[in-house]
Amino acid sequence: MSRFARVAMALLIGAVLGSALGVIYAKHQTRKLFVELQGVQKSRDDLQIDWGRLQLEQATWATHGRIESVARERLEMRIPTPDHVVIVKR
């Protein structure tokens, strides 16, 4: 085998090994990023569940019955009797 053939063979083997290492590295990075993506998606799903719970809680706290009961109990508000109602006309 000539010197040129040996050098060419060594370069080809080096290129194949370099390419194989590049594929291994890319595959490793892909797996690592996929695991990170799954973690982020789980966090997103957990946050969406919390958001839904908070919206439900807000809707519960904002109902007319709840507001009226808080006004009666904490603020001691009462519906005025008809003789305490004053109608102002312009």
PDB file of N, CA and C in Angstrom:
ATOM      1  N   MET A   1       0.845  -1.165   0.000  1.00  0.00           N
ATOM      2  CA  MET A   1       0.000   0.000   0.000  1.00  0.00           C
ATOM      3  C   MET A   1       0.900   1.241   0.000  1.00  0.00           C
ATOM      4  N   SER A   2       0.544   2.193  -0.825  1.00  0.00           N
ATOM      5  CA  SER A   2       1.369   3.395  -0.948  1.00  0.00           C
ATOM      6  C   SER A   2       1.140   4.330   0.233  1.00  0.00           C
ATOM      7  N   ARG A   3       2.046   5.267   0.363  1.00  0.00           N
ATOM      8  CA  ARG A   3       1.953   6.253   1.444  1.00  0.00           C
ATOM      9  C   ARG A   3       0.666   7.072   1.317  1.00  0.00           C
ATOM     10  N   PHE A   4       0.311   7.444   0.112  1.00  0.00           N
ATOM     11  CA  PHE A   4      -0.916   8.225  -0.129  1.00  0.00           C
ATOM     12  C   PHE A   4      -2.155   7.430   0.307  1.00  0.00           C
ATOM     13  N   ALA A   5      -2.149   6.137   0.010  1.00  0.00           N
ATOM     14  CA  ALA A   5      -3.287   5.301   0.375  1.00  0.00           C
ATOM     15  C   ALA A   5      -3.394   5.190   1.893  1.00  0.00           C
ATOM     16  N   ARG A   6      -2.246   5.081   2.587  1.00  0.00           N
ATOM     17  CA  ARG A   6      -2.272   5.007   4.041  1.00  0.00           C
ATOM     18  C   ARG A   6      -2.789   6.307   4.663  1.00  0.00           C
ATOM     19  N   VAL A   7      -2.325   7.426   4.161  1.00  0.00           N
ATOM     20  CA  VAL A   7      -2.765   8.732   4.673  1.00  0.00           C
ATOM     21  C   VAL A   7      -4.262   8.914   4.407  1.00  0.00           C
ATOM     22  N   ALA A   8      -4.694   8.546   3.224  1.00  0.00           N
ATOM     23  CA  ALA A   8      -6.113   8.662   2.880  1.00  0.00           C
ATOM     24  C   ALA A   8      -6.951   7.749   3.769  1.00  0.00           C
ATOM     25  N   MET A   9      -6.466   6.537   4.019  1.00  0.00           N
ATOM     26  CA  MET A   9      -7.184   5.600   4.895  1.00  0.00           C
ATOM     27  C   MET A   9      -7.259   6.154   6.315  1.00  0.00           C
ATOM     28  N   ALA A  10      -6.164   6.705   6.812  1.00  0.00           N
ATOM     29  CA  ALA A  10      -6.150   7.281   8.161  1.00  0.00           C
ATOM     30  C   ALA A  10      -7.116   8.462   8.244  1.00  0.00           C
ATOM     31  N   LEU A  11      -7.142   9.305   7.233  1.00  0.00           N
ATOM     32  CA  LEU A  11      -8.076  10.439   7.218  1.00  0.00           C
ATOM     33  C   LEU A  11      -9.526   9.965   7.172  1.00  0.00           C
ATOM     34  N   LEU A  12      -9.782   8.951   6.376  1.00  0.00           N
ATOM     35  CA  LEU A  12     -11.147   8.414   6.295  1.00  0.00           C
ATOM     36  C   LEU A  12     -11.572   7.791   7.621  1.00  0.00           C
ATOM     37  N   ILE A  13     -10.664   7.042   8.253  1.00  0.00           N
ATOM     38  CA  ILE A  13     -10.981   6.448   9.561  1.00  0.00           C
ATOM     39  C   ILE A  13     -11.220   7.555  10.584  1.00  0.00           C
ATOM     40  N   GLY A  14     -10.393   8.577  10.564  1.00  0.00           N
ATOM     41  CA  GLY A  14     -10.577   9.718  11.468  1.00  0.00           C
ATOM     42  C   GLY A  14     -11.913  10.411  11.217  1.00  0.00           C
ATOM     43  N   ALA A  15     -12.274  10.580   9.945  1.00  0.00           N
ATOM     44  CA  ALA A  15     -13.543  11.221   9.617  1.00  0.00           C
ATOM     45  C   ALA A  15     -14.720  10.368  10.083  1.00  0.00           C
ATOM     46  N   VAL A  16     -14.623   9.064   9.910  1.00  0.00           N
ATOM     47  CA  VAL A  16     -15.698   8.171  10.348  1.00  0.00           C
ATOM     48  C   VAL A  16     -15.823   8.209  11.874  1.00  0.00           C
ATOM     49  N   LEU A  17     -14.700   8.146  12.584  1.00  0.00           N
ATOM     50  CA  LEU A  17     -14.731   8.211  14.048  1.00  0.00           C
ATOM     51  C   LEU A  17     -15.262   9.567  14.524  1.00  0.00           C
ATOM     52  N   GLY A  18     -14.829  10.636  13.880  1.00  0.00           N
ATOM     53  CA  GLY A  18     -15.326  11.969  14.239  1.00  0.00           C
ATOM     54  C   GLY A  18     -16.826  12.087  13.998  1.00  0.00           C
ATOM     55  N   SER A  19     -17.267  11.544  12.900  1.00  0.00           N
ATOM     56  CA  SER A  19     -18.694  11.555  12.591  1.00  0.00           C
ATOM     57  C   SER A  19     -19.477  10.733  13.605  1.00  0.00           C
ATOM     58  N   ALA A  20     -18.928   9.570  13.978  1.00  0.00           N
ATOM     59  CA  ALA A  20     -19.603   8.721  14.968  1.00  0.00           C
ATOM     60  C   ALA A  20     -19.685   9.428  16.311  1.00  0.00           C
ATOM     61  N   LEU A  21     -18.608  10.086  16.721  1.00  0.00           N
ATOM     62  CA  LEU A  21     -18.636  10.835  17.981  1.00  0.00           C
ATOM     63  C   LEU A  21     -19.629  11.992  17.904  1.00  0.00           C
ATOM     64  N   GLY A  22     -19.720  12.636  16.752  1.00  0.00           N
ATOM     65  CA  GLY A  22     -20.702  13.717  16.568  1.00  0.00           C
ATOM     66  C   GLY A  22     -22.133  13.210  16.696  1.00  0.00           C
ATOM     67  N   VAL A  23     -22.398  12.038  16.135  1.00  0.00           N
ATOM     68  CA  VAL A  23     -23.736  11.448  16.238  1.00  0.00           C
ATOM     69  C   VAL A  23     -24.044  11.095  17.688  1.00  0.00           C
ATOM     70  N   ILE A  24     -23.077  10.524  18.387  1.00  0.00           N
ATOM     71  CA  ILE A  24     -23.274  10.165  19.796  1.00  0.00           C
ATOM     72  C   ILE A  24     -23.551  11.415  20.619  1.00  0.00           C
ATOM     73  N   TYR A  25     -22.776  12.471  20.406  1.00  0.00           N
ATOM     74  CA  TYR A  25     -22.971  13.715  21.141  1.00  0.00           C
ATOM     75  C   TYR A  25     -24.343  14.326  20.840  1.00  0.00           C
ATOM     76  N   ALA A  26     -24.729  14.348  19.572  1.00  0.00           N
ATOM     77  CA  ALA A  26     -26.031  14.911  19.191  1.00  0.00           C
ATOM     78  C   ALA A  26     -27.166  14.112  19.813  1.00  0.00           C
ATOM     79  N   LYS A  27     -27.055  12.795  19.814  1.00  0.00           N
ATOM     80  CA  LYS A  27     -28.083  11.936  20.410  1.00  0.00           C
ATOM     81  C   LYS A  27     -28.180  12.195  21.920  1.00  0.00           C
ATOM     82  N   HIS A  28     -27.036  12.336  22.575  1.00  0.00           N
ATOM     83  CA  HIS A  28     -27.023  12.620  24.009  1.00  0.00           C
ATOM     84  C   HIS A  28     -27.688  13.970  24.295  1.00  0.00           C
ATOM     85  N   GLN A  29     -27.345  14.980  23.521  1.00  0.00           N
ATOM     86  CA  GLN A  29     -27.952  16.305  23.699  1.00  0.00           C
ATOM     87  C   GLN A  29     -29.459  16.245  23.467  1.00  0.00           C
ATOM     88  N   THR A  30     -29.879  15.486  22.469  1.00  0.00           N
ATOM     89  CA  THR A  30     -31.311  15.359  22.177  1.00  0.00           C
ATOM     90  C   THR A  30     -32.037  14.728  23.353  1.00  0.00           C
ATOM     91  N   ARG A  31     -31.486  13.678  23.911  1.00  0.00           N
ATOM     92  CA  ARG A  31     -32.114  13.013  25.065  1.00  0.00           C
ATOM     93  C   ARG A  31     -32.158  13.944  26.272  1.00  0.00           C
ATOM     94  N   LYS A  32     -31.063  14.659  26.506  1.00  0.00           N
ATOM     95  CA  LYS A  32     -30.997  15.576  27.633  1.00  0.00           C
ATOM     96  C   LYS A  32     -32.046  16.692  27.478  1.00  0.00           C
ATOM     97  N   LEU A  33     -32.159  17.248  26.297  1.00  0.00           N
ATOM     98  CA  LEU A  33     -33.137  18.305  26.051  1.00  0.00           C
ATOM     99  C   LEU A  33     -34.565  17.773  26.119  1.00  0.00           C
ATOM    100  N   PHE A  34     -34.777  16.536  25.705  1.00  0.00           N
ATOM    101  CA  PHE A  34     -36.109  15.940  25.781  1.00  0.00           C
ATOM    102  C   PHE A  34     -36.550  15.766  27.235  1.00  0.00           C
ATOM    103  N   VAL A  35     -35.613  15.325  28.081  1.00  0.00           N
ATOM    104  CA  VAL A  35     -35.920  15.188  29.511  1.00  0.00           C
ATOM    105  C   VAL A  35     -36.246  16.558  30.103  1.00  0.00           C
ATOM    106  N   GLU A  36     -35.474  17.576  29.722  1.00  0.00           N
ATOM    107  CA  GLU A  36     -35.747  18.937  30.204  1.00  0.00           C
ATOM    108  C   GLU A  36     -37.108  19.421  29.714  1.00  0.00           C
ATOM    109  N   LEU A  37     -37.436  19.123  28.468  1.00  0.00           N
ATOM    110  CA  LEU A  37     -38.745  19.504  27.912  1.00  0.00           C
ATOM    111  C   LEU A  37     -39.877  18.845  28.689  1.00  0.00           C
ATOM    112  N   GLN A  38     -39.723  17.580  29.018  1.00  0.00           N
ATOM    113  CA  GLN A  38     -40.761  16.895  29.795  1.00  0.00           C
ATOM    114  C   GLN A  38     -40.940  17.536  31.164  1.00  0.00           C
ATOM    115  N   GLY A  39     -39.848  17.932  31.797  1.00  0.00           N
ATOM    116  CA  GLY A  39     -39.939  18.611  33.087  1.00  0.00           C
ATOM    117  C   GLY A  39     -40.654  19.945  32.981  1.00  0.00           C
ATOM    118  N   VAL A  40     -40.334  20.697  31.947  1.00  0.00           N
ATOM    119  CA  VAL A  40     -40.985  21.994  31.745  1.00  0.00           C
ATOM    120  C   VAL A  40     -42.471  21.800  31.438  1.00  0.00           C
ATOM    121  N   GLN A  41     -42.805  20.802  30.643  1.00  0.00           N
ATOM    122  CA  GLN A  41     -44.214  20.538  30.348  1.00  0.00           C
ATOM    123  C   GLN A  41     -44.971  20.120  31.606  1.00  0.00           C
ATOM    124  N   LYS A  42     -44.347  19.352  32.476  1.00  0.00           N
ATOM    125  CA  LYS A  42     -44.998  18.975  33.729  1.00  0.00           C
ATOM    126  C   LYS A  42     -45.231  20.202  34.597  1.00  0.00           C
ATOM    127  N   SER A  43     -44.236  21.073  34.662  1.00  0.00           N
ATOM    128  CA  SER A  43     -44.408  22.318  35.414  1.00  0.00           C
ATOM    129  C   SER A  43     -45.546  23.150  34.834  1.00  0.00           C
ATOM    130  N   ARG A  44     -45.626  23.219  33.517  1.00  0.00           N
ATOM    131  CA  ARG A  44     -46.706  23.964  32.863  1.00  0.00           C
ATOM    132  C   ARG A  44     -48.062  23.353  33.211  1.00  0.00           C
ATOM    133  N   ASP A  45     -48.134  22.031  33.164  1.00  0.00           N
ATOM    134  CA  ASP A  45     -49.399  21.366  33.489  1.00  0.00           C
ATOM    135  C   ASP A  45     -49.797  21.619  34.940  1.00  0.00           C
ATOM    136  N   ASP A  46     -48.818  21.559  35.850  1.00  0.00           N
ATOM    137  CA  ASP A  46     -49.103  21.831  37.265  1.00  0.00           C
ATOM    138  C   ASP A  46     -49.583  23.265  37.461  1.00  0.00           C
ATOM    139  N   LEU A  47     -48.960  24.204  36.765  1.00  0.00           N
ATOM    140  CA  LEU A  47     -49.378  25.604  36.860  1.00  0.00           C
ATOM    141  C   LEU A  47     -50.772  25.810  36.282  1.00  0.00           C
ATOM    142  N   GLN A  48     -51.105  25.110  35.203  1.00  0.00           N
ATOM    143  CA  GLN A  48     -52.450  25.223  34.633  1.00  0.00           C
ATOM    144  C   GLN A  48     -53.495  24.678  35.604  1.00  0.00           C
ATOM    145  N   ILE A  49     -53.164  23.598  36.301  1.00  0.00           N
ATOM    146  CA  ILE A  49     -54.090  23.050  37.299  1.00  0.00           C
ATOM    147  C   ILE A  49     -54.289  24.055  38.429  1.00  0.00           C
ATOM    148  N   ASP A  50     -53.182  24.650  38.907  1.00  0.00           N
ATOM    149  CA  ASP A  50     -53.287  25.664  39.962  1.00  0.00           C
ATOM    150  C   ASP A  50     -54.104  26.863  39.489  1.00  0.00           C
ATOM    151  N   TRP A  51     -53.902  27.282  38.244  1.00  0.00           N
ATOM    152  CA  TRP A  51     -54.651  28.413  37.688  1.00  0.00           C
ATOM    153  C   TRP A  51     -56.146  28.104  37.664  1.00  0.00           C
ATOM    154  N   GLY A  52     -56.500  26.905  37.260  1.00  0.00           N
ATOM    155  CA  GLY A  52     -57.910  26.513  37.253  1.00  0.00           C
ATOM    156  C   GLY A  52     -58.500  26.521  38.655  1.00  0.00           C
ATOM    157  N   ARG A  53     -57.741  26.033  39.615  1.00  0.00           N
ATOM    158  CA  ARG A  53     -58.214  26.056  41.011  1.00  0.00           C
ATOM    159  C   ARG A  53     -58.401  27.479  41.505  1.00  0.00           C
ATOM    160  N   LEU A  54     -57.455  28.355  41.178  1.00  0.00           N
ATOM    161  CA  LEU A  54     -57.560  29.741  41.611  1.00  0.00           C
ATOM    162  C   LEU A  54     -58.754  30.444  40.961  1.00  0.00           C
ATOM    163  N   GLN A  55     -59.018  30.148  39.703  1.00  0.00           N
ATOM    164  CA  GLN A  55     -60.186  30.746  39.043  1.00  0.00           C
ATOM    165  C   GLN A  55     -61.470  30.262  39.691  1.00  0.00           C
ATOM    166  N   LEU A  56     -61.523  28.991  40.027  1.00  0.00           N
ATOM    167  CA  LEU A  56     -62.699  28.445  40.694  1.00  0.00           C
ATOM    168  C   LEU A  56     -62.872  29.085  42.072  1.00  0.00           C
ATOM    169  N   GLU A  57     -61.771  29.234  42.798  1.00  0.00           N
ATOM    170  CA  GLU A  57     -61.844  29.860  44.117  1.00  0.00           C
ATOM    171  C   GLU A  57     -62.290  31.320  44.012  1.00  0.00           C
ATOM    172  N   GLN A  58     -61.773  32.020  43.022  1.00  0.00           N
ATOM    173  CA  GLN A  58     -62.173  33.418  42.824  1.00  0.00           C
ATOM    174  C   GLN A  58     -63.659  33.507  42.499  1.00  0.00           C
ATOM    175  N   ALA A  59     -64.133  32.620  41.661  1.00  0.00           N
ATOM    176  CA  ALA A  59     -65.559  32.627  41.317  1.00  0.00           C
ATOM    177  C   ALA A  59     -66.407  32.333  42.552  1.00  0.00           C
ATOM    178  N   THR A  60     -65.928  31.454  43.403  1.00  0.00           N
ATOM    179  CA  THR A  60     -66.665  31.120  44.630  1.00  0.00           C
ATOM    180  C   THR A  60     -66.708  32.317  45.574  1.00  0.00           C
ATOM    181  N   TRP A  61     -65.594  32.989  45.739  1.00  0.00           N
ATOM    182  CA  TRP A  61     -65.531  34.131  46.655  1.00  0.00           C
ATOM    183  C   TRP A  61     -66.317  35.330  46.133  1.00  0.00           C
ATOM    184  N   ALA A  62     -66.531  35.402  44.844  1.00  0.00           N
ATOM    185  CA  ALA A  62     -67.180  36.576  44.260  1.00  0.00           C
ATOM    186  C   ALA A  62     -68.683  36.390  44.038  1.00  0.00           C
ATOM    187  N   THR A  63     -69.275  35.312  44.507  1.00  0.00           N
ATOM    188  CA  THR A  63     -70.710  35.120  44.311  1.00  0.00           C
ATOM    189  C   THR A  63     -71.492  36.123  45.144  1.00  0.00           C
ATOM    190  N   HIS A  64     -72.693  36.452  44.689  1.00  0.00           N
ATOM    191  CA  HIS A  64     -73.523  37.435  45.390  1.00  0.00           C
ATOM    192  C   HIS A  64     -73.857  36.977  46.802  1.00  0.00           C
ATOM    193  N   GLY A  65     -74.153  35.707  46.949  1.00  0.00           N
ATOM    194  CA  GLY A  65     -74.477  35.185  48.275  1.00  0.00           C
ATOM    195  C   GLY A  65     -73.316  35.340  49.234  1.00  0.00           C
ATOM    196  N   ARG A  66     -72.117  35.071  48.759  1.00  0.00           N
ATOM    197  CA  ARG A  66     -70.923  35.201  49.610  1.00  0.00           C
ATOM    198  C   ARG A  66     -70.704  36.658  49.996  1.00  0.00           C
ATOM    199  N   ILE A  67     -70.830  37.554  49.051  1.00  0.00           N
ATOM    200  CA  ILE A  67     -70.633  38.983  49.335  1.00  0.00           C
ATOM    201  C   ILE A  67     -71.686  39.464  50.328  1.00  0.00           C
ATOM    202  N   GLU A  68     -72.917  39.030  50.134  1.00  0.00           N
ATOM    203  CA  GLU A  68     -73.989  39.443  51.044  1.00  0.00           C
ATOM    204  C   GLU A  68     -73.759  38.910  52.453  1.00  0.00           C
ATOM    205  N   SER A  69     -73.330  37.665  52.572  1.00  0.00           N
ATOM    206  CA  SER A  69     -73.109  37.110  53.908  1.00  0.00           C
ATOM    207  C   SER A  69     -71.943  37.801  54.607  1.00  0.00           C
ATOM    208  N   VAL A  70     -70.891  38.147  53.866  1.00  0.00           N
ATOM    209  CA  VAL A  70     -69.767  38.873  54.464  1.00  0.00           C
ATOM    210  C   VAL A  70     -70.221  40.268  54.898  1.00  0.00           C
ATOM    211  N   ALA A  71     -71.042  40.917  54.071  1.00  0.00           N
ATOM    212  CA  ALA A  71     -71.546  42.244  54.431  1.00  0.00           C
ATOM    213  C   ALA A  71     -72.391  42.176  55.698  1.00  0.00           C
ATOM    214  N   ARG A  72     -73.196  41.152  55.830  1.00  0.00           N
ATOM    215  CA  ARG A  72     -74.039  41.021  57.029  1.00  0.00           C
ATOM    216  C   ARG A  72     -73.218  40.679  58.269  1.00  0.00           C
ATOM    217  N   GLU A  73     -72.291  39.735  58.143  1.00  0.00           N
ATOM    218  CA  GLU A  73     -71.554  39.244  59.307  1.00  0.00           C
ATOM    219  C   GLU A  73     -70.425  40.181  59.738  1.00  0.00           C
ATOM    220  N   ARG A  74     -69.553  40.534  58.836  1.00  0.00           N
ATOM    221  CA  ARG A  74     -68.376  41.324  59.208  1.00  0.00           C
ATOM    222  C   ARG A  74     -68.679  42.820  59.297  1.00  0.00           C
ATOM    223  N   LEU A  75     -69.440  43.315  58.340  1.00  0.00           N
ATOM    224  CA  LEU A  75     -69.696  44.753  58.302  1.00  0.00           C
ATOM    225  C   LEU A  75     -71.002  45.140  58.990  1.00  0.00           C
ATOM    226  N   GLU A  76     -71.742  44.140  59.416  1.00  0.00           N
ATOM    227  CA  GLU A  76     -73.027  44.343  60.083  1.00  0.00           C
ATOM    228  C   GLU A  76     -73.961  45.238  59.266  1.00  0.00           C
ATOM    229  N   MET A  77     -73.972  45.002  57.970  1.00  0.00           N
ATOM    230  CA  MET A  77     -74.853  45.765  57.082  1.00  0.00           C
ATOM    231  C   MET A  77     -76.210  45.082  57.028  1.00  0.00           C
ATOM    232  N   ARG A  78     -77.249  45.881  56.907  1.00  0.00           N
ATOM    233  CA  ARG A  78     -78.620  45.379  56.822  1.00  0.00           C
ATOM    234  C   ARG A  78     -79.340  46.092  55.684  1.00  0.00           C
ATOM    235  N   ILE A  79     -80.361  45.447  55.167  1.00  0.00           N
ATOM    236  CA  ILE A  79     -81.198  46.079  54.144  1.00  0.00           C
ATOM    237  C   ILE A  79     -82.044  47.133  54.849  1.00  0.00           C
ATOM    238  N   PRO A  80     -82.048  48.379  54.333  1.00  0.00           N
ATOM    239  CA  PRO A  80     -82.805  49.434  55.010  1.00  0.00           C
ATOM    240  C   PRO A  80     -84.314  49.184  54.905  1.00  0.00           C
ATOM    241  N   THR A  81     -85.002  49.615  55.919  1.00  0.00           N
ATOM    242  CA  THR A  81     -86.460  49.509  55.901  1.00  0.00           C
ATOM    243  C   THR A  81     -87.008  50.557  54.938  1.00  0.00           C
ATOM    244  N   PRO A  82     -88.225  50.384  54.456  1.00  0.00           N
ATOM    245  CA  PRO A  82     -88.774  51.348  53.485  1.00  0.00           C
ATOM    246  C   PRO A  82     -88.826  52.782  53.994  1.00  0.00           C
ATOM    247  N   ASP A  83     -89.026  52.998  55.286  1.00  0.00           N
ATOM    248  CA  ASP A  83     -89.066  54.385  55.777  1.00  0.00           C
ATOM    249  C   ASP A  83     -87.675  55.026  55.875  1.00  0.00           C
ATOM    250  N   HIS A  84     -86.596  54.230  55.734  1.00  0.00           N
ATOM    251  CA  HIS A  84     -85.251  54.772  55.728  1.00  0.00           C
ATOM    252  C   HIS A  84     -84.728  55.015  54.294  1.00  0.00           C
ATOM    253  N   VAL A  85     -85.507  54.642  53.323  1.00  0.00           N
ATOM    254  CA  VAL A  85     -85.092  54.824  51.933  1.00  0.00           C
ATOM    255  C   VAL A  85     -85.521  56.204  51.464  1.00  0.00           C
ATOM    256  N   VAL A  86     -84.580  56.954  50.887  1.00  0.00           N
ATOM    257  CA  VAL A  86     -84.867  58.285  50.361  1.00  0.00           C
ATOM    258  C   VAL A  86     -84.576  58.265  48.881  1.00  0.00           C
ATOM    259  N   ILE A  87     -85.544  58.725  48.092  1.00  0.00           N
ATOM    260  CA  ILE A  87     -85.374  58.788  46.650  1.00  0.00           C
ATOM    261  C   ILE A  87     -85.095  60.233  46.280  1.00  0.00           C
ATOM    262  N   VAL A  88     -83.991  60.455  45.594  1.00  0.00           N
ATOM    263  CA  VAL A  88     -83.585  61.799  45.209  1.00  0.00           C
ATOM    264  C   VAL A  88     -83.862  61.940  43.710  1.00  0.00           C
ATOM    265  N   LYS A  89     -84.620  62.986  43.366  1.00  0.00           N
ATOM    266  CA  LYS A  89     -84.934  63.274  41.960  1.00  0.00           C
ATOM    267  C   LYS A  89     -84.269  64.567  41.562  1.00  0.00           C
ATOM    268  N   ARG A  90     -83.879  64.675  40.360  1.00  0.00           N
ATOM    269  CA  ARG A  90     -83.253  65.899  39.849  1.00  0.00           C
ATOM    270  C   ARG A  90     -84.255  66.832  39.332  1.00  0.00           C
TER     271      ARG A  90
END
